[in-house]
Amino acid sequence: MRALVTGVAGFIGSHLAERLIGIGVNVIGIDSFTDFYPRKVKEYNLSRLNYQPGFSLIAGSLLQLDLAQFLEETDYVFHLAAQAGVRSSWGKSFSIYSENNVLATQRLLEASKEFKIKKFICASSSSVYGDTEDLPMREEGKVRPISPYGVTKLACEHLCDLYYKNYNIPVVSLRYFTVFGPRQRPDMAFNIFLRTILEDKEIIVYGDGEQTRDFTFVSDIVDGTIAVINSRVEGEIFNLGGGSRISLKKALAIIEKTVKSNLKVRCIESQKGDVKDTFADTSKARKMLGFLPKVGVEEGLAREFEWIKEAKEKNII
């Protein structure tokens, strides 16, 4: 079997590729190494993969590469490449998001329709739901993103649906909920908080800290993603959430316990595009994919903290 993983040098993509190699799937990984965060972080993410005989890396953009050459003998496409970040998606930066998220997805789908792909899995986001009081968030519920980033991810879902209905590409879109763990992106909250603690600085919280998130450990996300290729589902959307919905204040209390240190925290005004709450209804994924998250916030944060310390010692972050 062969899989194409886009965004392979990223947080989730590198974990996914490692798991695929571990179960005997050959992986072609594509990554454009954008400057959203330092390249050395992504290279560190790939350090275990680079020595695997079943792995090959293509450094390039989905907007420019001749994608057909990577799809001809590919069984599964895992499309994780995207311009991430809710807060940075406003203003002049939006063109980057529309190109790297929407146009890149369209190009990959367009190329895929010429080949017999067994499954095309697109990584989406809980950001498509926006602010809603209809909790937990259900796949068939309303989607009203409140950030440009969320709009682009919803557009990607619609493109997948169009290519499924018109060209029979067996697509599945997965809405990831607040993923954390080792290799978490440097712009994400837990990574920032843990680095700030090690530097003995003040933690800045946007909002009052009462906002809640359904935190999902990266290995559970990988489990749910790979479960798709072992199923017969296509043309579907699934929530992948960890079932650990807690407030940011509660998360900080867990961090304080994890690092065994009193935290210095200051709350400031919330940011445009940040939703108040996320909470995934994962009953559909549980029923159709057998998805059952295993790692809670306390255990997951402890693992992420160990990785943060190691990466800082090596001057990676």
C-alpha atoms as a PDB file:
ATOM      1  CA  MET A   1       0.000   0.000   0.000  1.00  0.00           C
ATOM      2  CA  ARG A   2       1.063   3.552  -0.627  1.00  0.00           C
ATOM      3  CA  ALA A   3      -0.181   6.780   0.892  1.00  0.00           C
ATOM      4  CA  LEU A   4       0.358  10.428   0.065  1.00  0.00           C
ATOM      5  CA  VAL A   5       0.497  12.671   3.133  1.00  0.00           C
ATOM      6  CA  THR A   6       0.433  16.420   2.548  1.00  0.00           C
ATOM      7  CA  GLY A   7       1.699  18.656   5.335  1.00  0.00           C
ATOM      8  CA  VAL A   8       3.896  15.746   6.396  1.00  0.00           C
ATOM      9  CA  ALA A   9       6.402  17.863   8.324  1.00  0.00           C
ATOM     10  CA  GLY A  10       3.714  19.434  10.460  1.00  0.00           C
ATOM     11  CA  PHE A  11       2.442  18.559  13.915  1.00  0.00           C
ATOM     12  CA  ILE A  12      -0.209  16.001  12.973  1.00  0.00           C
ATOM     13  CA  GLY A  13       1.202  15.044   9.581  1.00  0.00           C
ATOM     14  CA  SER A  14       4.502  13.783  10.987  1.00  0.00           C
ATOM     15  CA  HIS A  15       2.749  11.653  13.614  1.00  0.00           C
ATOM     16  CA  LEU A  16       0.393  10.244  10.983  1.00  0.00           C
ATOM     17  CA  ALA A  17       3.232   9.369   8.608  1.00  0.00           C
ATOM     18  CA  GLU A  18       5.132   7.577  11.375  1.00  0.00           C
ATOM     19  CA  ARG A  19       2.071   5.497  12.227  1.00  0.00           C
ATOM     20  CA  LEU A  20       1.468   4.613   8.577  1.00  0.00           C
ATOM     21  CA  ILE A  21       5.075   3.491   8.146  1.00  0.00           C
ATOM     22  CA  GLY A  22       4.684   1.434  11.316  1.00  0.00           C
ATOM     23  CA  ILE A  23       1.776  -0.535   9.857  1.00  0.00           C
ATOM     24  CA  GLY A  24       3.578  -1.222   6.603  1.00  0.00           C
ATOM     25  CA  VAL A  25       2.292   1.583   4.383  1.00  0.00           C
ATOM     26  CA  ASN A  26       4.817   3.319   2.138  1.00  0.00           C
ATOM     27  CA  VAL A  27       4.512   7.092   2.471  1.00  0.00           C
ATOM     28  CA  ILE A  28       5.217   9.923   0.070  1.00  0.00           C
ATOM     29  CA  GLY A  29       5.207  13.096   2.128  1.00  0.00           C
ATOM     30  CA  ILE A  30       4.794  16.583   0.689  1.00  0.00           C
ATOM     31  CA  ASP A  31       5.526  19.754   2.619  1.00  0.00           C
ATOM     32  CA  SER A  32       6.115  23.303   1.420  1.00  0.00           C
ATOM     33  CA  PHE A  33       7.972  24.377   4.588  1.00  0.00           C
ATOM     34  CA  THR A  34       6.201  27.731   4.748  1.00  0.00           C
ATOM     35  CA  ASP A  35       7.563  30.393   7.075  1.00  0.00           C
ATOM     36  CA  PHE A  36       4.523  30.234   9.394  1.00  0.00           C
ATOM     37  CA  TYR A  37       6.965  28.881  11.962  1.00  0.00           C
ATOM     38  CA  PRO A  38      10.706  28.029  11.828  1.00  0.00           C
ATOM     39  CA  ARG A  39      11.779  25.326   9.386  1.00  0.00           C
ATOM     40  CA  LYS A  40      14.006  23.695  12.002  1.00  0.00           C
ATOM     41  CA  VAL A  41      10.893  22.761  13.986  1.00  0.00           C
ATOM     42  CA  LYS A  42       9.476  20.880  11.005  1.00  0.00           C
ATOM     43  CA  GLU A  43      12.821  19.247  10.291  1.00  0.00           C
ATOM     44  CA  TYR A  44      12.876  18.056  13.902  1.00  0.00           C
ATOM     45  CA  ASN A  45       9.377  16.632  13.430  1.00  0.00           C
ATOM     46  CA  LEU A  46      10.724  14.564  10.540  1.00  0.00           C
ATOM     47  CA  SER A  47      13.828  13.307  12.342  1.00  0.00           C
ATOM     48  CA  ARG A  48      12.399   9.815  12.932  1.00  0.00           C
ATOM     49  CA  LEU A  49      10.933   9.508   9.451  1.00  0.00           C
ATOM     50  CA  ASN A  50      14.030  10.429   7.493  1.00  0.00           C
ATOM     51  CA  TYR A  51      15.668   7.079   8.190  1.00  0.00           C
ATOM     52  CA  GLN A  52      12.652   4.947   7.309  1.00  0.00           C
ATOM     53  CA  PRO A  53      13.051   3.022   4.009  1.00  0.00           C
ATOM     54  CA  GLY A  54       9.339   3.336   3.218  1.00  0.00           C
ATOM     55  CA  PHE A  55       9.330   7.137   3.439  1.00  0.00           C
ATOM     56  CA  SER A  56      10.181   9.740   0.811  1.00  0.00           C
ATOM     57  CA  LEU A  57       9.933  13.504   1.222  1.00  0.00           C
ATOM     58  CA  ILE A  58       8.986  15.992  -1.480  1.00  0.00           C
ATOM     59  CA  ALA A  59       9.701  19.602  -0.550  1.00  0.00           C
ATOM     60  CA  GLY A  60       7.323  21.723  -2.586  1.00  0.00           C
ATOM     61  CA  SER A  61       3.979  23.466  -2.800  1.00  0.00           C
ATOM     62  CA  LEU A  62       0.709  21.839  -3.821  1.00  0.00           C
ATOM     63  CA  LEU A  63       0.156  24.985  -5.862  1.00  0.00           C
ATOM     64  CA  GLN A  64       3.185  24.331  -8.059  1.00  0.00           C
ATOM     65  CA  LEU A  65       4.010  20.619  -8.076  1.00  0.00           C
ATOM     66  CA  ASP A  66       2.914  18.247 -10.827  1.00  0.00           C
ATOM     67  CA  LEU A  67       0.706  16.224  -8.488  1.00  0.00           C
ATOM     68  CA  ALA A  68      -0.150  13.451 -10.937  1.00  0.00           C
ATOM     69  CA  GLN A  69       3.281  11.863 -10.555  1.00  0.00           C
ATOM     70  CA  PHE A  70       2.627  11.261  -6.854  1.00  0.00           C
ATOM     71  CA  LEU A  71      -0.894   9.904  -7.308  1.00  0.00           C
ATOM     72  CA  GLU A  72      -0.454   7.315 -10.047  1.00  0.00           C
ATOM     73  CA  GLU A  73       0.160   4.352  -7.715  1.00  0.00           C
ATOM     74  CA  THR A  74      -1.241   5.881  -4.541  1.00  0.00           C
ATOM     75  CA  ASP A  75      -3.986   4.111  -2.599  1.00  0.00           C
ATOM     76  CA  TYR A  76      -4.745   6.736   0.030  1.00  0.00           C
ATOM     77  CA  VAL A  77      -4.477  10.520   0.154  1.00  0.00           C
ATOM     78  CA  PHE A  78      -4.242  12.188   3.552  1.00  0.00           C
ATOM     79  CA  HIS A  79      -4.578  15.912   2.919  1.00  0.00           C
ATOM     80  CA  LEU A  80      -3.352  17.681   6.044  1.00  0.00           C
ATOM     81  CA  ALA A  81      -1.477  20.581   4.436  1.00  0.00           C
ATOM     82  CA  ALA A  82      -3.004  23.949   5.293  1.00  0.00           C
ATOM     83  CA  GLN A  83      -2.239  27.469   6.365  1.00  0.00           C
ATOM     84  CA  ALA A  84      -3.099  27.256  10.050  1.00  0.00           C
ATOM     85  CA  GLY A  85      -4.063  29.888  12.594  1.00  0.00           C
ATOM     86  CA  VAL A  86      -7.349  31.625  13.292  1.00  0.00           C
ATOM     87  CA  ARG A  87      -6.002  34.963  14.495  1.00  0.00           C
ATOM     88  CA  SER A  88      -3.565  35.484  11.630  1.00  0.00           C
ATOM     89  CA  SER A  89      -6.134  34.806   8.894  1.00  0.00           C
ATOM     90  CA  TRP A  90      -7.541  38.345   8.786  1.00  0.00           C
ATOM     91  CA  GLY A  91      -6.624  41.204   6.456  1.00  0.00           C
ATOM     92  CA  LYS A  92      -3.868  40.961   3.881  1.00  0.00           C
ATOM     93  CA  SER A  93      -2.942  37.452   5.033  1.00  0.00           C
ATOM     94  CA  PHE A  94      -6.211  36.041   3.729  1.00  0.00           C
ATOM     95  CA  SER A  95      -4.810  35.546   0.235  1.00  0.00           C
ATOM     96  CA  ILE A  96      -2.292  33.111   1.727  1.00  0.00           C
ATOM     97  CA  TYR A  97      -5.138  31.178   3.355  1.00  0.00           C
ATOM     98  CA  SER A  98      -7.285  31.102   0.240  1.00  0.00           C
ATOM     99  CA  GLU A  99      -4.367  29.825  -1.849  1.00  0.00           C
ATOM    100  CA  ASN A 100      -2.824  27.330   0.582  1.00  0.00           C
ATOM    101  CA  ASN A 101      -6.148  25.984   1.833  1.00  0.00           C
ATOM    102  CA  VAL A 102      -8.819  26.333  -0.844  1.00  0.00           C
ATOM    103  CA  LEU A 103      -6.861  26.395  -4.108  1.00  0.00           C
ATOM    104  CA  ALA A 104      -4.375  23.755  -2.950  1.00  0.00           C
ATOM    105  CA  THR A 105      -7.237  21.433  -2.001  1.00  0.00           C
ATOM    106  CA  GLN A 106      -8.928  21.983  -5.360  1.00  0.00           C
ATOM    107  CA  ARG A 107      -5.701  21.205  -7.234  1.00  0.00           C
ATOM    108  CA  LEU A 108      -5.205  17.986  -5.289  1.00  0.00           C
ATOM    109  CA  LEU A 109      -8.798  16.889  -5.847  1.00  0.00           C
ATOM    110  CA  GLU A 110      -8.591  17.762  -9.537  1.00  0.00           C
ATOM    111  CA  ALA A 111      -5.450  15.675  -9.924  1.00  0.00           C
ATOM    112  CA  SER A 112      -6.917  12.796  -7.901  1.00  0.00           C
ATOM    113  CA  LYS A 113      -9.953  12.360 -10.153  1.00  0.00           C
ATOM    114  CA  GLU A 114      -7.739  10.864 -12.843  1.00  0.00           C
ATOM    115  CA  PHE A 115      -6.647   7.977 -10.604  1.00  0.00           C
ATOM    116  CA  LYS A 116      -8.237   5.150  -8.638  1.00  0.00           C
ATOM    117  CA  ILE A 117      -7.749   6.554  -5.163  1.00  0.00           C
ATOM    118  CA  LYS A 118      -9.247   4.263  -2.519  1.00  0.00           C
ATOM    119  CA  LYS A 119      -9.789   7.092  -0.036  1.00  0.00           C
ATOM    120  CA  PHE A 120      -9.199  10.849   0.012  1.00  0.00           C
ATOM    121  CA  ILE A 121      -9.121  12.079   3.608  1.00  0.00           C
ATOM    122  CA  CYS A 122      -9.251  15.825   4.178  1.00  0.00           C
ATOM    123  CA  ALA A 123      -8.347  17.365   7.531  1.00  0.00           C
ATOM    124  CA  SER A 124     -10.925  19.975   8.482  1.00  0.00           C
ATOM    125  CA  SER A 125     -11.460  21.842  11.734  1.00  0.00           C
ATOM    126  CA  SER A 126     -13.946  22.540  14.501  1.00  0.00           C
ATOM    127  CA  SER A 127     -13.556  26.167  13.392  1.00  0.00           C
ATOM    128  CA  VAL A 128     -16.220  25.555  10.743  1.00  0.00           C
ATOM    129  CA  TYR A 129     -18.897  25.570  13.457  1.00  0.00           C
ATOM    130  CA  GLY A 130     -18.148  29.063  14.725  1.00  0.00           C
ATOM    131  CA  ASP A 131     -19.897  30.242  17.884  1.00  0.00           C
ATOM    132  CA  THR A 132     -22.899  28.118  18.694  1.00  0.00           C
ATOM    133  CA  GLU A 133     -24.980  27.289  21.740  1.00  0.00           C
ATOM    134  CA  ASP A 134     -25.962  24.004  20.100  1.00  0.00           C
ATOM    135  CA  LEU A 135     -23.573  21.823  22.088  1.00  0.00           C
ATOM    136  CA  PRO A 136     -22.219  19.277  21.600  1.00  0.00           C
ATOM    137  CA  MET A 137     -21.430  20.157  17.993  1.00  0.00           C
ATOM    138  CA  ARG A 138     -22.972  17.668  15.570  1.00  0.00           C
ATOM    139  CA  GLU A 139     -21.877  17.072  11.991  1.00  0.00           C
ATOM    140  CA  GLU A 140     -25.376  17.837  10.723  1.00  0.00           C
ATOM    141  CA  GLY A 141     -25.606  21.027  12.791  1.00  0.00           C
ATOM    142  CA  LYS A 142     -25.202  24.586  11.544  1.00  0.00           C
ATOM    143  CA  VAL A 143     -21.797  25.708  10.334  1.00  0.00           C
ATOM    144  CA  ARG A 144     -21.151  29.436  10.694  1.00  0.00           C
ATOM    145  CA  PRO A 145     -17.410  30.087  10.946  1.00  0.00           C
ATOM    146  CA  ILE A 146     -16.409  33.368  12.571  1.00  0.00           C
ATOM    147  CA  SER A 147     -12.865  33.539  11.197  1.00  0.00           C
ATOM    148  CA  PRO A 148     -11.470  33.644   7.659  1.00  0.00           C
ATOM    149  CA  TYR A 149      -9.532  30.479   8.499  1.00  0.00           C
ATOM    150  CA  GLY A 150     -12.772  28.690   9.370  1.00  0.00           C
ATOM    151  CA  VAL A 151     -14.298  29.883   6.106  1.00  0.00           C
ATOM    152  CA  THR A 152     -11.445  28.332   4.107  1.00  0.00           C
ATOM    153  CA  LYS A 153     -11.746  25.007   5.920  1.00  0.00           C
ATOM    154  CA  LEU A 154     -15.483  24.915   5.253  1.00  0.00           C
ATOM    155  CA  ALA A 155     -14.785  25.680   1.595  1.00  0.00           C
ATOM    156  CA  CYS A 156     -12.432  22.691   1.493  1.00  0.00           C
ATOM    157  CA  GLU A 157     -15.208  20.468   2.830  1.00  0.00           C
ATOM    158  CA  HIS A 158     -17.561  21.725   0.122  1.00  0.00           C
ATOM    159  CA  LEU A 159     -14.952  21.070  -2.568  1.00  0.00           C
ATOM    160  CA  CYS A 160     -14.527  17.514  -1.311  1.00  0.00           C
ATOM    161  CA  ASP A 161     -18.275  17.003  -1.453  1.00  0.00           C
ATOM    162  CA  LEU A 162     -18.433  18.356  -5.011  1.00  0.00           C
ATOM    163  CA  TYR A 163     -15.678  16.065  -6.247  1.00  0.00           C
ATOM    164  CA  TYR A 164     -17.311  13.119  -4.499  1.00  0.00           C
ATOM    165  CA  LYS A 165     -20.666  13.749  -6.143  1.00  0.00           C
ATOM    166  CA  ASN A 166     -19.339  14.656  -9.580  1.00  0.00           C
ATOM    167  CA  TYR A 167     -16.207  12.515  -9.944  1.00  0.00           C
ATOM    168  CA  ASN A 168     -16.754   9.739  -7.389  1.00  0.00           C
ATOM    169  CA  ILE A 169     -13.607  10.524  -5.437  1.00  0.00           C
ATOM    170  CA  PRO A 170     -14.164   8.623  -2.153  1.00  0.00           C
ATOM    171  CA  VAL A 171     -13.678  11.596   0.156  1.00  0.00           C
ATOM    172  CA  VAL A 172     -14.002  11.824   3.927  1.00  0.00           C
ATOM    173  CA  SER A 173     -13.601  15.097   5.843  1.00  0.00           C
ATOM    174  CA  LEU A 174     -12.491  15.019   9.473  1.00  0.00           C
ATOM    175  CA  ARG A 175     -13.172  17.933  11.801  1.00  0.00           C
ATOM    176  CA  TYR A 176     -10.293  17.978  14.273  1.00  0.00           C
ATOM    177  CA  PHE A 177     -10.938  19.521  17.689  1.00  0.00           C
ATOM    178  CA  THR A 178      -8.061  21.400  19.428  1.00  0.00           C
ATOM    179  CA  VAL A 179      -5.257  18.915  18.949  1.00  0.00           C
ATOM    180  CA  PHE A 180      -2.371  18.886  21.427  1.00  0.00           C
ATOM    181  CA  GLY A 181       0.647  16.768  22.299  1.00  0.00           C
ATOM    182  CA  PRO A 182       4.318  16.473  21.320  1.00  0.00           C
ATOM    183  CA  ARG A 183       5.239  18.579  18.248  1.00  0.00           C
ATOM    184  CA  GLN A 184       2.276  20.901  18.739  1.00  0.00           C
ATOM    185  CA  ARG A 185       2.754  24.034  16.625  1.00  0.00           C
ATOM    186  CA  PRO A 186       4.599  26.904  18.340  1.00  0.00           C
ATOM    187  CA  ASP A 187       1.595  29.227  17.891  1.00  0.00           C
ATOM    188  CA  MET A 188      -0.802  26.952  19.808  1.00  0.00           C
ATOM    189  CA  ALA A 189      -1.798  27.638  23.404  1.00  0.00           C
ATOM    190  CA  PHE A 190      -0.297  24.699  25.297  1.00  0.00           C
ATOM    191  CA  ASN A 191       3.015  25.018  23.472  1.00  0.00           C
ATOM    192  CA  ILE A 192       3.132  28.738  24.272  1.00  0.00           C
ATOM    193  CA  PHE A 193       2.122  28.226  27.911  1.00  0.00           C
ATOM    194  CA  LEU A 194       4.685  25.486  28.573  1.00  0.00           C
ATOM    195  CA  ARG A 195       7.528  27.392  26.910  1.00  0.00           C
ATOM    196  CA  THR A 196       6.569  30.518  28.836  1.00  0.00           C
ATOM    197  CA  ILE A 197       6.740  28.587  32.116  1.00  0.00           C
ATOM    198  CA  LEU A 198      10.207  27.241  31.323  1.00  0.00           C
ATOM    199  CA  GLU A 199      11.310  30.809  30.584  1.00  0.00           C
ATOM    200  CA  ASP A 200       9.791  31.975  33.896  1.00  0.00           C
ATOM    201  CA  LYS A 201       7.575  34.515  32.158  1.00  0.00           C
ATOM    202  CA  GLU A 202       3.965  35.599  32.480  1.00  0.00           C
ATOM    203  CA  ILE A 203       1.297  33.601  30.641  1.00  0.00           C
ATOM    204  CA  ILE A 204      -1.050  35.745  28.565  1.00  0.00           C
ATOM    205  CA  VAL A 205      -4.626  34.483  28.218  1.00  0.00           C
ATOM    206  CA  TYR A 206      -6.962  35.977  25.624  1.00  0.00           C
ATOM    207  CA  GLY A 207     -10.363  36.370  27.252  1.00  0.00           C
ATOM    208  CA  ASP A 208     -11.470  35.536  30.785  1.00  0.00           C
ATOM    209  CA  GLY A 209     -10.279  31.937  30.782  1.00  0.00           C
ATOM    210  CA  GLU A 210     -13.820  30.583  31.011  1.00  0.00           C
ATOM    211  CA  GLN A 211     -13.853  29.597  27.328  1.00  0.00           C
ATOM    212  CA  THR A 212     -13.899  25.826  26.849  1.00  0.00           C
ATOM    213  CA  ARG A 213     -12.208  23.534  24.374  1.00  0.00           C
ATOM    214  CA  ASP A 214     -12.569  19.857  23.523  1.00  0.00           C
ATOM    215  CA  PHE A 215      -8.881  18.986  23.755  1.00  0.00           C
ATOM    216  CA  THR A 216      -7.803  15.990  21.666  1.00  0.00           C
ATOM    217  CA  PHE A 217      -4.465  14.229  21.992  1.00  0.00           C
ATOM    218  CA  VAL A 218      -2.577  13.773  18.747  1.00  0.00           C
ATOM    219  CA  SER A 219      -2.388   9.966  18.930  1.00  0.00           C
ATOM    220  CA  ASP A 220      -6.183   9.828  19.172  1.00  0.00           C
ATOM    221  CA  ILE A 221      -6.447  12.047  16.100  1.00  0.00           C
ATOM    222  CA  VAL A 222      -4.120   9.684  14.245  1.00  0.00           C
ATOM    223  CA  ASP A 223      -6.209   6.699  15.379  1.00  0.00           C
ATOM    224  CA  GLY A 224      -9.378   8.300  14.039  1.00  0.00           C
ATOM    225  CA  THR A 225      -7.736   9.332  10.786  1.00  0.00           C
ATOM    226  CA  ILE A 226      -6.320   5.900  10.025  1.00  0.00           C
ATOM    227  CA  ALA A 227      -9.634   4.275  10.989  1.00  0.00           C
ATOM    228  CA  VAL A 228     -11.106   5.805   7.829  1.00  0.00           C
ATOM    229  CA  ILE A 229      -9.004   3.617   5.527  1.00  0.00           C
ATOM    230  CA  ASN A 230     -10.171   0.525   7.392  1.00  0.00           C
ATOM    231  CA  SER A 231     -13.818   1.442   6.833  1.00  0.00           C
ATOM    232  CA  ARG A 232     -16.175   1.553   3.874  1.00  0.00           C
ATOM    233  CA  VAL A 233     -17.340   5.109   4.517  1.00  0.00           C
ATOM    234  CA  GLU A 234     -17.102   7.787   1.852  1.00  0.00           C
ATOM    235  CA  GLY A 235     -18.752  11.137   1.234  1.00  0.00           C
ATOM    236  CA  GLU A 236     -18.997  11.645   5.000  1.00  0.00           C
ATOM    237  CA  ILE A 237     -17.912  14.215   7.589  1.00  0.00           C
ATOM    238  CA  PHE A 238     -16.821  13.194  11.092  1.00  0.00           C
ATOM    239  CA  ASN A 239     -15.981  15.027  14.297  1.00  0.00           C
ATOM    240  CA  LEU A 240     -12.801  13.843  16.010  1.00  0.00           C
ATOM    241  CA  GLY A 241     -12.760  15.197  19.554  1.00  0.00           C
ATOM    242  CA  GLY A 242     -11.088  13.957  22.698  1.00  0.00           C
ATOM    243  CA  GLY A 243     -14.070  14.141  25.024  1.00  0.00           C
ATOM    244  CA  SER A 244     -12.041  16.322  27.394  1.00  0.00           C
ATOM    245  CA  ARG A 245     -13.980  19.576  27.244  1.00  0.00           C
ATOM    246  CA  ILE A 246     -12.631  21.859  29.946  1.00  0.00           C
ATOM    247  CA  SER A 247     -12.173  25.582  30.470  1.00  0.00           C
ATOM    248  CA  LEU A 248      -8.859  27.272  29.843  1.00  0.00           C
ATOM    249  CA  LYS A 249      -8.684  28.024  33.574  1.00  0.00           C
ATOM    250  CA  LYS A 250      -9.012  24.323  34.324  1.00  0.00           C
ATOM    251  CA  ALA A 251      -6.344  23.542  31.744  1.00  0.00           C
ATOM    252  CA  LEU A 252      -4.002  26.036  33.425  1.00  0.00           C
ATOM    253  CA  ALA A 253      -4.651  24.370  36.781  1.00  0.00           C
ATOM    254  CA  ILE A 254      -3.661  21.031  35.247  1.00  0.00           C
ATOM    255  CA  ILE A 255      -0.540  22.630  33.772  1.00  0.00           C
ATOM    256  CA  GLU A 256       0.356  24.073  37.185  1.00  0.00           C
ATOM    257  CA  LYS A 257       0.097  20.582  38.669  1.00  0.00           C
ATOM    258  CA  THR A 258       2.099  19.099  35.793  1.00  0.00           C
ATOM    259  CA  VAL A 259       5.020  21.523  36.011  1.00  0.00           C
ATOM    260  CA  LYS A 260       4.911  21.706  39.826  1.00  0.00           C
ATOM    261  CA  SER A 261       5.152  25.482  39.801  1.00  0.00           C
ATOM    262  CA  ASN A 262       2.894  28.442  40.516  1.00  0.00           C
ATOM    263  CA  LEU A 263       1.856  30.146  37.295  1.00  0.00           C
ATOM    264  CA  LYS A 264       1.855  33.860  36.564  1.00  0.00           C
ATOM    265  CA  VAL A 265      -1.240  34.503  34.454  1.00  0.00           C
ATOM    266  CA  ARG A 266      -2.703  37.702  32.991  1.00  0.00           C
ATOM    267  CA  CYS A 267      -5.987  37.855  31.081  1.00  0.00           C
ATOM    268  CA  ILE A 268      -6.392  40.354  28.259  1.00  0.00           C
ATOM    269  CA  GLU A 269      -9.048  41.120  25.654  1.00  0.00           C
ATOM    270  CA  SER A 270     -10.211  38.181  23.545  1.00  0.00           C
ATOM    271  CA  GLN A 271      -9.212  38.022  19.885  1.00  0.00           C
ATOM    272  CA  LYS A 272     -11.393  38.237  16.785  1.00  0.00           C
ATOM    273  CA  GLY A 273     -12.249  34.786  15.452  1.00  0.00           C
ATOM    274  CA  ASP A 274     -11.844  32.953  18.760  1.00  0.00           C
ATOM    275  CA  VAL A 275     -14.961  30.944  19.584  1.00  0.00           C
ATOM    276  CA  LYS A 276     -16.318  30.731  23.115  1.00  0.00           C
ATOM    277  CA  ASP A 277     -16.733  26.962  23.295  1.00  0.00           C
ATOM    278  CA  THR A 278     -16.045  23.773  21.371  1.00  0.00           C
ATOM    279  CA  PHE A 279     -17.451  20.363  22.225  1.00  0.00           C
ATOM    280  CA  ALA A 280     -17.580  17.471  19.764  1.00  0.00           C
ATOM    281  CA  ASP A 281     -20.377  14.978  19.437  1.00  0.00           C
ATOM    282  CA  THR A 282     -18.312  11.970  18.342  1.00  0.00           C
ATOM    283  CA  SER A 283     -21.136   9.419  18.304  1.00  0.00           C
ATOM    284  CA  LYS A 284     -21.052   9.184  14.499  1.00  0.00           C
ATOM    285  CA  ALA A 285     -17.294   8.536  14.446  1.00  0.00           C
ATOM    286  CA  ARG A 286     -17.663   6.031  17.256  1.00  0.00           C
ATOM    287  CA  LYS A 287     -20.391   4.144  15.405  1.00  0.00           C
ATOM    288  CA  MET A 288     -18.951   4.216  11.879  1.00  0.00           C
ATOM    289  CA  LEU A 289     -15.193   4.316  12.539  1.00  0.00           C
ATOM    290  CA  GLY A 290     -14.881   2.754  15.976  1.00  0.00           C
ATOM    291  CA  PHE A 291     -13.302   6.001  17.198  1.00  0.00           C
ATOM    292  CA  LEU A 292     -12.645   5.991  20.942  1.00  0.00           C
ATOM    293  CA  PRO A 293     -10.137   8.526  22.337  1.00  0.00           C
ATOM    294  CA  LYS A 294      -7.802   7.143  24.979  1.00  0.00           C
ATOM    295  CA  VAL A 295      -5.559   9.965  26.239  1.00  0.00           C
ATOM    296  CA  GLY A 296      -6.920  12.583  28.623  1.00  0.00           C
ATOM    297  CA  VAL A 297      -5.683  16.117  29.185  1.00  0.00           C
ATOM    298  CA  GLU A 298      -3.527  15.375  32.241  1.00  0.00           C
ATOM    299  CA  GLU A 299      -1.618  12.527  30.615  1.00  0.00           C
ATOM    300  CA  GLY A 300      -1.388  14.362  27.305  1.00  0.00           C
ATOM    301  CA  LEU A 301      -0.052  17.558  28.853  1.00  0.00           C
ATOM    302  CA  ALA A 302       2.602  15.603  30.736  1.00  0.00           C
ATOM    303  CA  ARG A 303       3.757  14.083  27.444  1.00  0.00           C
ATOM    304  CA  GLU A 304       3.758  17.433  25.693  1.00  0.00           C
ATOM    305  CA  PHE A 305       5.732  19.032  28.533  1.00  0.00           C
ATOM    306  CA  GLU A 306       8.446  16.372  28.230  1.00  0.00           C
ATOM    307  CA  TRP A 307       8.689  17.075  24.504  1.00  0.00           C
ATOM    308  CA  ILE A 308       8.814  20.849  25.063  1.00  0.00           C
ATOM    309  CA  LYS A 309      11.697  20.447  27.518  1.00  0.00           C
ATOM    310  CA  GLU A 310      13.597  18.203  25.115  1.00  0.00           C
ATOM    311  CA  ALA A 311      13.050  20.543  22.165  1.00  0.00           C
ATOM    312  CA  LYS A 312      14.180  23.573  24.174  1.00  0.00           C
ATOM    313  CA  GLU A 313      17.315  21.776  25.342  1.00  0.00           C
ATOM    314  CA  LYS A 314      18.162  21.126  21.688  1.00  0.00           C
ATOM    315  CA  ASN A 315      17.373  24.757  20.784  1.00  0.00           C
ATOM    316  CA  ILE A 316      14.589  23.669  18.426  1.00  0.00           C
ATOM    317  CA  ILE A 317      11.958  25.958  19.945  1.00  0.00           C
END
